[in-house]
PDB file of N, CA and C in Angstrom:
ATOM      1  N   UNK A   1      40.005  72.776 -23.842  1.00  0.00           N
ATOM      2  CA  UNK A   1      39.293  71.779 -24.627  1.00  0.00           C
ATOM      3  C   UNK A   1      39.052  70.536 -23.771  1.00  0.00           C
ATOM      4  N   UNK A   2      37.830  70.076 -23.743  1.00  0.00           N
ATOM      5  CA  UNK A   2      37.452  68.889 -22.991  1.00  0.00           C
ATOM      6  C   UNK A   2      37.888  67.653 -23.775  1.00  0.00           C
ATOM      7  N   UNK A   3      38.494  66.701 -23.098  1.00  0.00           N
ATOM      8  CA  UNK A   3      38.922  65.454 -23.736  1.00  0.00           C
ATOM      9  C   UNK A   3      37.707  64.534 -23.863  1.00  0.00           C
ATOM     10  N   UNK A   4      37.206  64.377 -25.071  1.00  0.00           N
ATOM     11  CA  UNK A   4      36.032  63.548 -25.326  1.00  0.00           C
ATOM     12  C   UNK A   4      36.452  62.229 -25.951  1.00  0.00           C
ATOM     13  N   UNK A   5      35.525  61.291 -25.997  1.00  0.00           N
ATOM     14  CA  UNK A   5      35.809  60.026 -26.670  1.00  0.00           C
ATOM     15  C   UNK A   5      36.114  60.273 -28.144  1.00  0.00           C
ATOM     16  N   UNK A   6      35.436  61.263 -28.734  1.00  0.00           N
ATOM     17  CA  UNK A   6      35.702  61.570 -30.136  1.00  0.00           C
ATOM     18  C   UNK A   6      37.118  62.097 -30.326  1.00  0.00           C
ATOM     19  N   UNK A   7      37.579  62.934 -29.419  1.00  0.00           N
ATOM     20  CA  UNK A   7      38.948  63.443 -29.519  1.00  0.00           C
ATOM     21  C   UNK A   7      39.952  62.301 -29.373  1.00  0.00           C
ATOM     22  N   UNK A   8      39.650  61.351 -28.511  1.00  0.00           N
ATOM     23  CA  UNK A   8      40.539  60.199 -28.348  1.00  0.00           C
ATOM     24  C   UNK A   8      40.575  59.344 -29.612  1.00  0.00           C
ATOM     25  N   UNK A   9      39.457  59.249 -30.316  1.00  0.00           N
ATOM     26  CA  UNK A   9      39.425  58.524 -31.593  1.00  0.00           C
ATOM     27  C   UNK A   9      40.223  59.293 -32.637  1.00  0.00           C
ATOM     28  N   UNK A  10      40.038  60.601 -32.706  1.00  0.00           N
ATOM     29  CA  UNK A  10      40.800  61.438 -33.644  1.00  0.00           C
ATOM     30  C   UNK A  10      42.295  61.293 -33.390  1.00  0.00           C
ATOM     31  N   UNK A  11      42.687  61.277 -32.111  1.00  0.00           N
ATOM     32  CA  UNK A  11      44.102  61.173 -31.734  1.00  0.00           C
ATOM     33  C   UNK A  11      44.625  59.744 -31.811  1.00  0.00           C
ATOM     34  N   UNK A  12      43.764  58.808 -32.215  1.00  0.00           N
ATOM     35  CA  UNK A  12      44.110  57.382 -32.345  1.00  0.00           C
ATOM     36  C   UNK A  12      44.477  56.746 -31.005  1.00  0.00           C
ATOM     37  N   UNK A  13      43.950  57.293 -29.919  1.00  0.00           N
ATOM     38  CA  UNK A  13      44.147  56.710 -28.590  1.00  0.00           C
ATOM     39  C   UNK A  13      43.154  55.578 -28.340  1.00  0.00           C
ATOM     40  N   UNK A  14      42.032  55.625 -29.057  1.00  0.00           N
ATOM     41  CA  UNK A  14      40.999  54.597 -28.987  1.00  0.00           C
ATOM     42  C   UNK A  14      40.805  54.079 -30.407  1.00  0.00           C
ATOM     43  N   UNK A  15      40.776  52.754 -30.594  1.00  0.00           N
ATOM     44  CA  UNK A  15      40.597  52.229 -31.948  1.00  0.00           C
ATOM     45  C   UNK A  15      39.188  52.489 -32.480  1.00  0.00           C
ATOM     46  N   UNK A  16      39.106  52.640 -33.785  1.00  0.00           N
ATOM     47  CA  UNK A  16      37.820  52.810 -34.465  1.00  0.00           C
ATOM     48  C   UNK A  16      37.962  52.238 -35.866  1.00  0.00           C
ATOM     49  N   UNK A  17      36.851  51.809 -36.421  1.00  0.00           N
ATOM     50  CA  UNK A  17      36.833  51.306 -37.795  1.00  0.00           C
ATOM     51  C   UNK A  17      36.651  52.510 -38.716  1.00  0.00           C
ATOM     52  N   UNK A  18      37.765  53.159 -39.035  1.00  0.00           N
ATOM     53  CA  UNK A  18      37.753  54.400 -39.817  1.00  0.00           C
ATOM     54  C   UNK A  18      37.559  54.070 -41.290  1.00  0.00           C
ATOM     55  N   UNK A  19      36.599  54.762 -41.920  1.00  0.00           N
ATOM     56  CA  UNK A  19      36.364  54.530 -43.344  1.00  0.00           C
ATOM     57  C   UNK A  19      36.730  55.732 -44.208  1.00  0.00           C
ATOM     58  N   UNK A  20      36.953  56.882 -43.578  1.00  0.00           N
ATOM     59  CA  UNK A  20      37.390  58.066 -44.327  1.00  0.00           C
ATOM     60  C   UNK A  20      38.000  59.051 -43.338  1.00  0.00           C
ATOM     61  N   UNK A  21      39.035  59.745 -43.809  1.00  0.00           N
ATOM     62  CA  UNK A  21      39.646  60.782 -42.986  1.00  0.00           C
ATOM     63  C   UNK A  21      40.285  61.816 -43.895  1.00  0.00           C
ATOM     64  N   UNK A  22      40.139  63.066 -43.531  1.00  0.00           N
ATOM     65  CA  UNK A  22      40.856  64.147 -44.197  1.00  0.00           C
ATOM     66  C   UNK A  22      41.290  65.149 -43.134  1.00  0.00           C
ATOM     67  N   UNK A  23      41.781  66.283 -43.545  1.00  0.00           N
ATOM     68  CA  UNK A  23      42.329  67.252 -42.590  1.00  0.00           C
ATOM     69  C   UNK A  23      41.270  67.869 -41.672  1.00  0.00           C
ATOM     70  N   UNK A  24      39.996  67.796 -42.071  1.00  0.00           N
ATOM     71  CA  UNK A  24      38.931  68.432 -41.290  1.00  0.00           C
ATOM     72  C   UNK A  24      37.978  67.463 -40.604  1.00  0.00           C
ATOM     73  N   UNK A  25      37.971  66.212 -41.042  1.00  0.00           N
ATOM     74  CA  UNK A  25      36.936  65.300 -40.549  1.00  0.00           C
ATOM     75  C   UNK A  25      37.430  63.867 -40.428  1.00  0.00           C
ATOM     76  N   UNK A  26      36.649  63.094 -39.690  1.00  0.00           N
ATOM     77  CA  UNK A  26      36.915  61.673 -39.511  1.00  0.00           C
ATOM     78  C   UNK A  26      35.574  60.947 -39.589  1.00  0.00           C
ATOM     79  N   UNK A  27      35.547  59.838 -40.306  1.00  0.00           N
ATOM     80  CA  UNK A  27      34.325  59.055 -40.480  1.00  0.00           C
ATOM     81  C   UNK A  27      34.624  57.619 -40.052  1.00  0.00           C
ATOM     82  N   UNK A  28      33.783  57.092 -39.177  1.00  0.00           N
ATOM     83  CA  UNK A  28      34.008  55.730 -38.698  1.00  0.00           C
ATOM     84  C   UNK A  28      32.677  55.053 -38.402  1.00  0.00           C
ATOM     85  N   UNK A  29      32.721  53.714 -38.353  1.00  0.00           N
ATOM     86  CA  UNK A  29      31.516  52.943 -38.079  1.00  0.00           C
ATOM     87  C   UNK A  29      31.139  53.064 -36.610  1.00  0.00           C
ATOM     88  N   UNK A  30      29.847  53.180 -36.358  1.00  0.00           N
ATOM     89  CA  UNK A  30      29.339  53.224 -34.989  1.00  0.00           C
ATOM     90  C   UNK A  30      29.549  51.854 -34.338  1.00  0.00           C
ATOM     91  N   UNK A  31      29.974  51.839 -33.083  1.00  0.00           N
ATOM     92  CA  UNK A  31      30.207  50.552 -32.420  1.00  0.00           C
ATOM     93  C   UNK A  31      28.907  49.873 -31.988  1.00  0.00           C
ATOM     94  N   UNK A  32      27.811  50.607 -31.955  1.00  0.00           N
ATOM     95  CA  UNK A  32      26.491  50.052 -31.632  1.00  0.00           C
ATOM     96  C   UNK A  32      25.491  50.491 -32.700  1.00  0.00           C
ATOM     97  N   UNK A  33      25.623  49.960 -33.916  1.00  0.00           N
ATOM     98  CA  UNK A  33      24.772  50.439 -35.012  1.00  0.00           C
ATOM     99  C   UNK A  33      23.299  50.122 -34.788  1.00  0.00           C
ATOM    100  N   UNK A  34      22.462  51.045 -35.237  1.00  0.00           N
ATOM    101  CA  UNK A  34      21.015  50.831 -35.190  1.00  0.00           C
ATOM    102  C   UNK A  34      20.429  50.789 -36.599  1.00  0.00           C
ATOM    103  N   UNK A  35      21.317  50.666 -37.584  1.00  0.00           N
ATOM    104  CA  UNK A  35      20.923  50.546 -38.985  1.00  0.00           C
ATOM    105  C   UNK A  35      21.986  49.698 -39.675  1.00  0.00           C
ATOM    106  N   UNK A  36      21.660  49.100 -40.825  1.00  0.00           N
ATOM    107  CA  UNK A  36      22.659  48.295 -41.536  1.00  0.00           C
ATOM    108  C   UNK A  36      23.956  49.068 -41.829  1.00  0.00           C
ATOM    109  N   UNK A  37      23.816  50.328 -42.177  1.00  0.00           N
ATOM    110  CA  UNK A  37      24.975  51.206 -42.333  1.00  0.00           C
ATOM    111  C   UNK A  37      24.781  52.349 -41.351  1.00  0.00           C
ATOM    112  N   UNK A  38      25.639  52.413 -40.354  1.00  0.00           N
ATOM    113  CA  UNK A  38      25.539  53.449 -39.318  1.00  0.00           C
ATOM    114  C   UNK A  38      26.949  53.964 -39.068  1.00  0.00           C
ATOM    115  N   UNK A  39      27.203  55.153 -39.570  1.00  0.00           N
ATOM    116  CA  UNK A  39      28.532  55.746 -39.439  1.00  0.00           C
ATOM    117  C   UNK A  39      28.430  57.091 -38.734  1.00  0.00           C
ATOM    118  N   UNK A  40      29.534  57.518 -38.179  1.00  0.00           N
ATOM    119  CA  UNK A  40      29.617  58.826 -37.540  1.00  0.00           C
ATOM    120  C   UNK A  40      30.590  59.681 -38.328  1.00  0.00           C
ATOM    121  N   UNK A  41      30.186  60.902 -38.617  1.00  0.00           N
ATOM    122  CA  UNK A  41      31.033  61.887 -39.294  1.00  0.00           C
ATOM    123  C   UNK A  41      31.277  62.988 -38.280  1.00  0.00           C
ATOM    124  N   UNK A  42      32.534  63.163 -37.900  1.00  0.00           N
ATOM    125  CA  UNK A  42      32.830  64.156 -36.870  1.00  0.00           C
ATOM    126  C   UNK A  42      33.875  65.147 -37.367  1.00  0.00           C
ATOM    127  N   UNK A  43      33.748  66.390 -36.945  1.00  0.00           N
ATOM    128  CA  UNK A  43      34.795  67.363 -37.276  1.00  0.00           C
ATOM    129  C   UNK A  43      35.993  67.147 -36.361  1.00  0.00           C
ATOM    130  N   UNK A  44      37.176  67.408 -36.876  1.00  0.00           N
ATOM    131  CA  UNK A  44      38.367  67.318 -36.031  1.00  0.00           C
ATOM    132  C   UNK A  44      38.458  68.513 -35.088  1.00  0.00           C
ATOM    133  N   UNK A  45      37.802  69.606 -35.454  1.00  0.00           N
ATOM    134  CA  UNK A  45      37.711  70.747 -34.545  1.00  0.00           C
ATOM    135  C   UNK A  45      36.559  70.472 -33.592  1.00  0.00           C
ATOM    136  N   UNK A  46      36.798  70.599 -32.325  1.00  0.00           N
ATOM    137  CA  UNK A  46      35.761  70.323 -31.337  1.00  0.00           C
ATOM    138  C   UNK A  46      34.708  71.431 -31.331  1.00  0.00           C
ATOM    139  N   UNK A  47      33.472  71.036 -31.640  1.00  0.00           N
ATOM    140  CA  UNK A  47      32.301  71.910 -31.530  1.00  0.00           C
ATOM    141  C   UNK A  47      31.283  71.096 -30.741  1.00  0.00           C
ATOM    142  N   UNK A  48      31.055  71.473 -29.502  1.00  0.00           N
ATOM    143  CA  UNK A  48      30.209  70.660 -28.625  1.00  0.00           C
ATOM    144  C   UNK A  48      28.776  70.570 -29.137  1.00  0.00           C
ATOM    145  N   UNK A  49      28.238  71.702 -29.584  1.00  0.00           N
ATOM    146  CA  UNK A  49      26.862  71.734 -30.076  1.00  0.00           C
ATOM    147  C   UNK A  49      26.796  72.642 -31.301  1.00  0.00           C
ATOM    148  N   UNK A  50      25.868  72.339 -32.194  1.00  0.00           N
ATOM    149  CA  UNK A  50      25.651  73.196 -33.362  1.00  0.00           C
ATOM    150  C   UNK A  50      25.351  74.617 -32.904  1.00  0.00           C
ATOM    151  N   UNK A  51      24.645  74.739 -31.802  1.00  0.00           N
ATOM    152  CA  UNK A  51      24.320  76.076 -31.299  1.00  0.00           C
ATOM    153  C   UNK A  51      25.550  76.826 -30.789  1.00  0.00           C
ATOM    154  N   UNK A  52      26.680  76.128 -30.645  1.00  0.00           N
ATOM    155  CA  UNK A  52      27.943  76.774 -30.273  1.00  0.00           C
ATOM    156  C   UNK A  52      28.762  77.186 -31.494  1.00  0.00           C
ATOM    157  N   UNK A  53      28.367  76.721 -32.673  1.00  0.00           N
ATOM    158  CA  UNK A  53      29.126  77.022 -33.891  1.00  0.00           C
ATOM    159  C   UNK A  53      29.106  78.521 -34.166  1.00  0.00           C
ATOM    160  N   UNK A  54      30.186  78.971 -34.761  1.00  0.00           N
ATOM    161  CA  UNK A  54      30.324  80.384 -35.092  1.00  0.00           C
ATOM    162  C   UNK A  54      30.430  80.553 -36.603  1.00  0.00           C
ATOM    163  N   UNK A  55      30.358  81.777 -37.051  1.00  0.00           N
ATOM    164  CA  UNK A  55      30.463  82.071 -38.480  1.00  0.00           C
ATOM    165  C   UNK A  55      31.735  81.464 -39.070  1.00  0.00           C
ATOM    166  N   UNK A  56      32.807  81.453 -38.302  1.00  0.00           N
ATOM    167  CA  UNK A  56      34.075  80.902 -38.792  1.00  0.00           C
ATOM    168  C   UNK A  56      34.012  79.394 -38.999  1.00  0.00           C
ATOM    169  N   UNK A  57      32.985  78.725 -38.488  1.00  0.00           N
ATOM    170  CA  UNK A  57      32.811  77.279 -38.656  1.00  0.00           C
ATOM    171  C   UNK A  57      31.999  76.927 -39.903  1.00  0.00           C
ATOM    172  N   UNK A  58      31.536  77.918 -40.618  1.00  0.00           N
ATOM    173  CA  UNK A  58      30.661  77.686 -41.768  1.00  0.00           C
ATOM    174  C   UNK A  58      31.297  76.747 -42.791  1.00  0.00           C
ATOM    175  N   UNK A  59      32.554  76.968 -43.134  1.00  0.00           N
ATOM    176  CA  UNK A  59      33.240  76.120 -44.113  1.00  0.00           C
ATOM    177  C   UNK A  59      33.323  74.679 -43.613  1.00  0.00           C
ATOM    178  N   UNK A  60      33.662  74.507 -42.357  1.00  0.00           N
ATOM    179  CA  UNK A  60      33.782  73.170 -41.777  1.00  0.00           C
ATOM    180  C   UNK A  60      32.443  72.444 -41.790  1.00  0.00           C
ATOM    181  N   UNK A  61      31.384  73.125 -41.396  1.00  0.00           N
ATOM    182  CA  UNK A  61      30.066  72.491 -41.354  1.00  0.00           C
ATOM    183  C   UNK A  61      29.601  72.091 -42.750  1.00  0.00           C
ATOM    184  N   UNK A  62      29.832  72.940 -43.729  1.00  0.00           N
ATOM    185  CA  UNK A  62      29.514  72.582 -45.109  1.00  0.00           C
ATOM    186  C   UNK A  62      30.350  71.403 -45.582  1.00  0.00           C
ATOM    187  N   UNK A  63      31.615  71.388 -45.189  1.00  0.00           N
ATOM    188  CA  UNK A  63      32.524  70.297 -45.554  1.00  0.00           C
ATOM    189  C   UNK A  63      31.994  68.952 -45.051  1.00  0.00           C
ATOM    190  N   UNK A  64      31.442  68.934 -43.853  1.00  0.00           N
ATOM    191  CA  UNK A  64      30.919  67.688 -43.293  1.00  0.00           C
ATOM    192  C   UNK A  64      29.786  67.125 -44.150  1.00  0.00           C
ATOM    193  N   UNK A  65      28.954  67.995 -44.705  1.00  0.00           N
ATOM    194  CA  UNK A  65      27.885  67.532 -45.592  1.00  0.00           C
ATOM    195  C   UNK A  65      28.451  66.984 -46.898  1.00  0.00           C
ATOM    196  N   UNK A  66      29.494  67.612 -47.416  1.00  0.00           N
ATOM    197  CA  UNK A  66      30.139  67.098 -48.624  1.00  0.00           C
ATOM    198  C   UNK A  66      30.786  65.744 -48.357  1.00  0.00           C
ATOM    199  N   UNK A  67      31.386  65.586 -47.200  1.00  0.00           N
ATOM    200  CA  UNK A  67      31.967  64.298 -46.813  1.00  0.00           C
ATOM    201  C   UNK A  67      30.870  63.239 -46.725  1.00  0.00           C
ATOM    202  N   UNK A  68      29.708  63.594 -46.203  1.00  0.00           N
ATOM    203  CA  UNK A  68      28.593  62.643 -46.124  1.00  0.00           C
ATOM    204  C   UNK A  68      28.248  62.114 -47.512  1.00  0.00           C
ATOM    205  N   UNK A  69      28.185  62.993 -48.492  1.00  0.00           N
ATOM    206  CA  UNK A  69      27.903  62.562 -49.858  1.00  0.00           C
ATOM    207  C   UNK A  69      29.004  61.684 -50.420  1.00  0.00           C
ATOM    208  N   UNK A  70      30.238  62.053 -50.174  1.00  0.00           N
ATOM    209  CA  UNK A  70      31.383  61.278 -50.668  1.00  0.00           C
ATOM    210  C   UNK A  70      31.382  59.871 -50.070  1.00  0.00           C
ATOM    211  N   UNK A  71      31.165  59.773 -48.770  1.00  0.00           N
ATOM    212  CA  UNK A  71      31.151  58.470 -48.106  1.00  0.00           C
ATOM    213  C   UNK A  71      29.934  57.659 -48.555  1.00  0.00           C
ATOM    214  N   UNK A  72      28.795  58.302 -48.757  1.00  0.00           N
ATOM    215  CA  UNK A  72      27.607  57.597 -49.255  1.00  0.00           C
ATOM    216  C   UNK A  72      27.900  56.968 -50.613  1.00  0.00           C
ATOM    217  N   UNK A  73      28.579  57.709 -51.486  1.00  0.00           N
ATOM    218  CA  UNK A  73      28.960  57.147 -52.789  1.00  0.00           C
ATOM    219  C   UNK A  73      29.928  55.981 -52.608  1.00  0.00           C
ATOM    220  N   UNK A  74      30.878  56.145 -51.715  1.00  0.00           N
ATOM    221  CA  UNK A  74      31.864  55.096 -51.434  1.00  0.00           C
ATOM    222  C   UNK A  74      31.181  53.814 -50.951  1.00  0.00           C
ATOM    223  N   UNK A  75      30.119  53.954 -50.170  1.00  0.00           N
ATOM    224  CA  UNK A  75      29.399  52.807 -49.624  1.00  0.00           C
ATOM    225  C   UNK A  75      28.265  52.323 -50.533  1.00  0.00           C
ATOM    226  N   UNK A  76      28.021  53.031 -51.638  1.00  0.00           N
ATOM    227  CA  UNK A  76      26.994  52.628 -52.587  1.00  0.00           C
ATOM    228  C   UNK A  76      25.574  52.948 -52.159  1.00  0.00           C
ATOM    229  N   UNK A  77      25.411  53.944 -51.300  1.00  0.00           N
ATOM    230  CA  UNK A  77      24.072  54.304 -50.824  1.00  0.00           C
ATOM    231  C   UNK A  77      23.722  55.753 -51.153  1.00  0.00           C
ATOM    232  N   UNK A  78      24.360  56.303 -52.170  1.00  0.00           N
ATOM    233  CA  UNK A  78      24.200  57.726 -52.473  1.00  0.00           C
ATOM    234  C   UNK A  78      22.781  58.134 -52.869  1.00  0.00           C
ATOM    235  N   UNK A  79      21.948  57.195 -53.288  1.00  0.00           N
ATOM    236  CA  UNK A  79      20.595  57.544 -53.725  1.00  0.00           C
ATOM    237  C   UNK A  79      19.581  57.619 -52.590  1.00  0.00           C
ATOM    238  N   UNK A  80      19.919  57.057 -51.439  1.00  0.00           N
ATOM    239  CA  UNK A  80      18.986  57.095 -50.305  1.00  0.00           C
ATOM    240  C   UNK A  80      19.743  56.822 -49.013  1.00  0.00           C
ATOM    241  N   UNK A  81      19.846  57.841 -48.194  1.00  0.00           N
ATOM    242  CA  UNK A  81      20.443  57.659 -46.874  1.00  0.00           C
ATOM    243  C   UNK A  81      19.907  58.728 -45.938  1.00  0.00           C
ATOM    244  N   UNK A  82      19.979  58.446 -44.665  1.00  0.00           N
ATOM    245  CA  UNK A  82      19.509  59.375 -43.639  1.00  0.00           C
ATOM    246  C   UNK A  82      20.717  60.067 -43.033  1.00  0.00           C
ATOM    247  N   UNK A  83      20.608  61.371 -42.854  1.00  0.00           N
ATOM    248  CA  UNK A  83      21.670  62.165 -42.243  1.00  0.00           C
ATOM    249  C   UNK A  83      21.083  62.832 -41.007  1.00  0.00           C
ATOM    250  N   UNK A  84      21.608  62.498 -39.837  1.00  0.00           N
ATOM    251  CA  UNK A  84      21.097  63.005 -38.565  1.00  0.00           C
ATOM    252  C   UNK A  84      22.186  63.834 -37.898  1.00  0.00           C
ATOM    253  N   UNK A  85      21.807  64.966 -37.335  1.00  0.00           N
ATOM    254  CA  UNK A  85      22.743  65.802 -36.588  1.00  0.00           C
ATOM    255  C   UNK A  85      22.304  65.782 -35.132  1.00  0.00           C
ATOM    256  N   UNK A  86      23.172  65.289 -34.268  1.00  0.00           N
ATOM    257  CA  UNK A  86      22.896  65.320 -32.830  1.00  0.00           C
ATOM    258  C   UNK A  86      23.499  66.585 -32.251  1.00  0.00           C
ATOM    259  N   UNK A  87      22.735  67.272 -31.423  1.00  0.00           N
ATOM    260  CA  UNK A  87      23.175  68.544 -30.850  1.00  0.00           C
ATOM    261  C   UNK A  87      23.381  68.388 -29.344  1.00  0.00           C
ATOM    262  N   UNK A  88      24.610  68.079 -28.946  1.00  0.00           N
ATOM    263  CA  UNK A  88      24.932  67.935 -27.530  1.00  0.00           C
ATOM    264  C   UNK A  88      24.872  66.497 -27.054  1.00  0.00           C
ATOM    265  N   UNK A  89      25.466  66.252 -25.906  1.00  0.00           N
ATOM    266  CA  UNK A  89      25.582  64.899 -25.362  1.00  0.00           C
ATOM    267  C   UNK A  89      24.227  64.266 -25.055  1.00  0.00           C
ATOM    268  N   UNK A  90      23.231  65.048 -24.728  1.00  0.00           N
ATOM    269  CA  UNK A  90      21.923  64.509 -24.382  1.00  0.00           C
ATOM    270  C   UNK A  90      21.015  64.217 -25.561  1.00  0.00           C
ATOM    271  N   UNK A  91      21.472  64.503 -26.750  1.00  0.00           N
ATOM    272  CA  UNK A  91      20.623  64.322 -27.941  1.00  0.00           C
ATOM    273  C   UNK A  91      20.457  62.857 -28.316  1.00  0.00           C
TER     274      UNK A  91
END
Protein backbone atom coordinates (compact mmCIF):
# COMPACT_ATOMS: atom_id res chain seq x y z
CA UNK A 1 0.00 0.00 0.00
CA UNK A 2 1.35 3.40 -1.01
CA UNK A 3 1.44 5.96 1.81
CA UNK A 4 -0.69 8.84 0.50
CA UNK A 5 -1.64 12.15 2.06
CA UNK A 6 -5.14 10.73 2.44
CA UNK A 7 -3.83 7.73 4.37
CA UNK A 8 -1.90 10.09 6.64
CA UNK A 9 -5.12 12.03 7.30
CA UNK A 10 -7.00 8.79 8.02
CA UNK A 11 -4.21 7.75 10.41
CA UNK A 12 -4.37 11.22 12.05
CA UNK A 13 -0.71 11.86 11.19
CA UNK A 14 -1.75 15.05 9.36
CA UNK A 15 -4.42 17.34 10.82
CA UNK A 16 -7.68 17.88 8.95
CA UNK A 17 -10.96 19.61 9.69
CA UNK A 18 -12.97 16.38 9.93
CA UNK A 19 -16.73 16.77 9.76
CA UNK A 20 -17.77 13.10 9.61
CA UNK A 21 -16.15 9.73 10.13
CA UNK A 22 -17.33 6.15 10.28
CA UNK A 23 -15.72 2.74 9.89
CA UNK A 24 -15.59 3.01 6.07
CA UNK A 25 -15.11 6.69 5.30
CA UNK A 26 -13.72 10.04 6.34
CA UNK A 27 -15.10 13.46 5.38
CA UNK A 28 -13.12 16.66 5.82
CA UNK A 29 -12.94 20.21 4.51
CA UNK A 30 -10.65 20.85 1.56
CA UNK A 31 -7.66 22.99 2.54
CA UNK A 32 -7.92 24.93 -0.75
CA UNK A 33 -11.67 25.22 -1.36
CA UNK A 34 -12.96 26.35 -4.73
CA UNK A 35 -16.57 26.60 -3.54
CA UNK A 36 -18.25 27.95 -0.38
CA UNK A 37 -18.67 24.35 0.78
CA UNK A 38 -15.88 22.10 -0.51
CA UNK A 39 -15.40 18.80 1.26
CA UNK A 40 -13.62 15.57 0.45
CA UNK A 41 -15.22 12.18 1.06
CA UNK A 42 -12.66 9.41 1.02
CA UNK A 43 -12.83 5.68 1.64
CA UNK A 44 -10.62 4.32 4.39
CA UNK A 45 -9.78 1.45 2.06
CA UNK A 46 -7.24 2.66 -0.47
CA UNK A 47 -8.59 2.57 -4.03
CA UNK A 48 -6.28 4.58 -6.27
CA UNK A 49 -8.74 4.90 -9.15
CA UNK A 50 -12.38 4.00 -9.76
CA UNK A 51 -11.12 1.91 -12.65
CA UNK A 52 -9.18 -0.16 -10.07
CA UNK A 53 -12.31 -0.90 -8.02
CA UNK A 54 -13.48 -4.47 -7.89
CA UNK A 55 -16.86 -6.12 -7.37
CA UNK A 56 -15.99 -6.48 -3.67
CA UNK A 57 -15.82 -2.65 -3.44
CA UNK A 58 -19.44 -2.21 -4.51
CA UNK A 59 -20.76 -1.82 -0.95
CA UNK A 60 -18.05 0.70 -0.07
CA UNK A 61 -18.64 2.80 -3.18
CA UNK A 62 -22.38 2.89 -2.55
CA UNK A 63 -21.69 3.79 1.08
CA UNK A 64 -19.71 6.85 -0.02
CA UNK A 65 -22.75 8.17 -1.90
CA UNK A 66 -24.94 7.63 1.16
CA UNK A 67 -22.38 9.50 3.27
CA UNK A 68 -22.51 12.37 0.74
CA UNK A 69 -26.25 12.67 1.32
CA UNK A 70 -25.88 12.46 5.09
CA UNK A 71 -23.20 15.16 5.17
CA UNK A 72 -25.21 17.35 2.76
CA UNK A 73 -28.13 17.19 5.20
CA UNK A 74 -25.79 17.93 8.10
CA UNK A 75 -24.51 21.04 6.26
CA UNK A 76 -28.00 22.12 5.14
CA UNK A 77 -27.35 21.76 1.42
CA UNK A 78 -29.26 18.55 0.73
CA UNK A 79 -31.47 20.13 -1.96
CA UNK A 80 -28.62 21.22 -4.24
CA UNK A 81 -25.00 20.16 -4.24
CA UNK A 82 -22.38 19.00 -6.70
CA UNK A 83 -20.74 15.60 -6.31
CA UNK A 84 -17.50 15.10 -8.25
CA UNK A 85 -15.46 11.90 -8.49
CA UNK A 86 -11.79 12.33 -9.33
CA UNK A 87 -10.18 9.28 -10.92
CA UNK A 88 -6.45 9.18 -10.17
CA UNK A 89 -3.86 11.74 -9.12
CA UNK A 90 -3.94 13.56 -12.46
CA UNK A 91 -7.67 14.20 -12.43
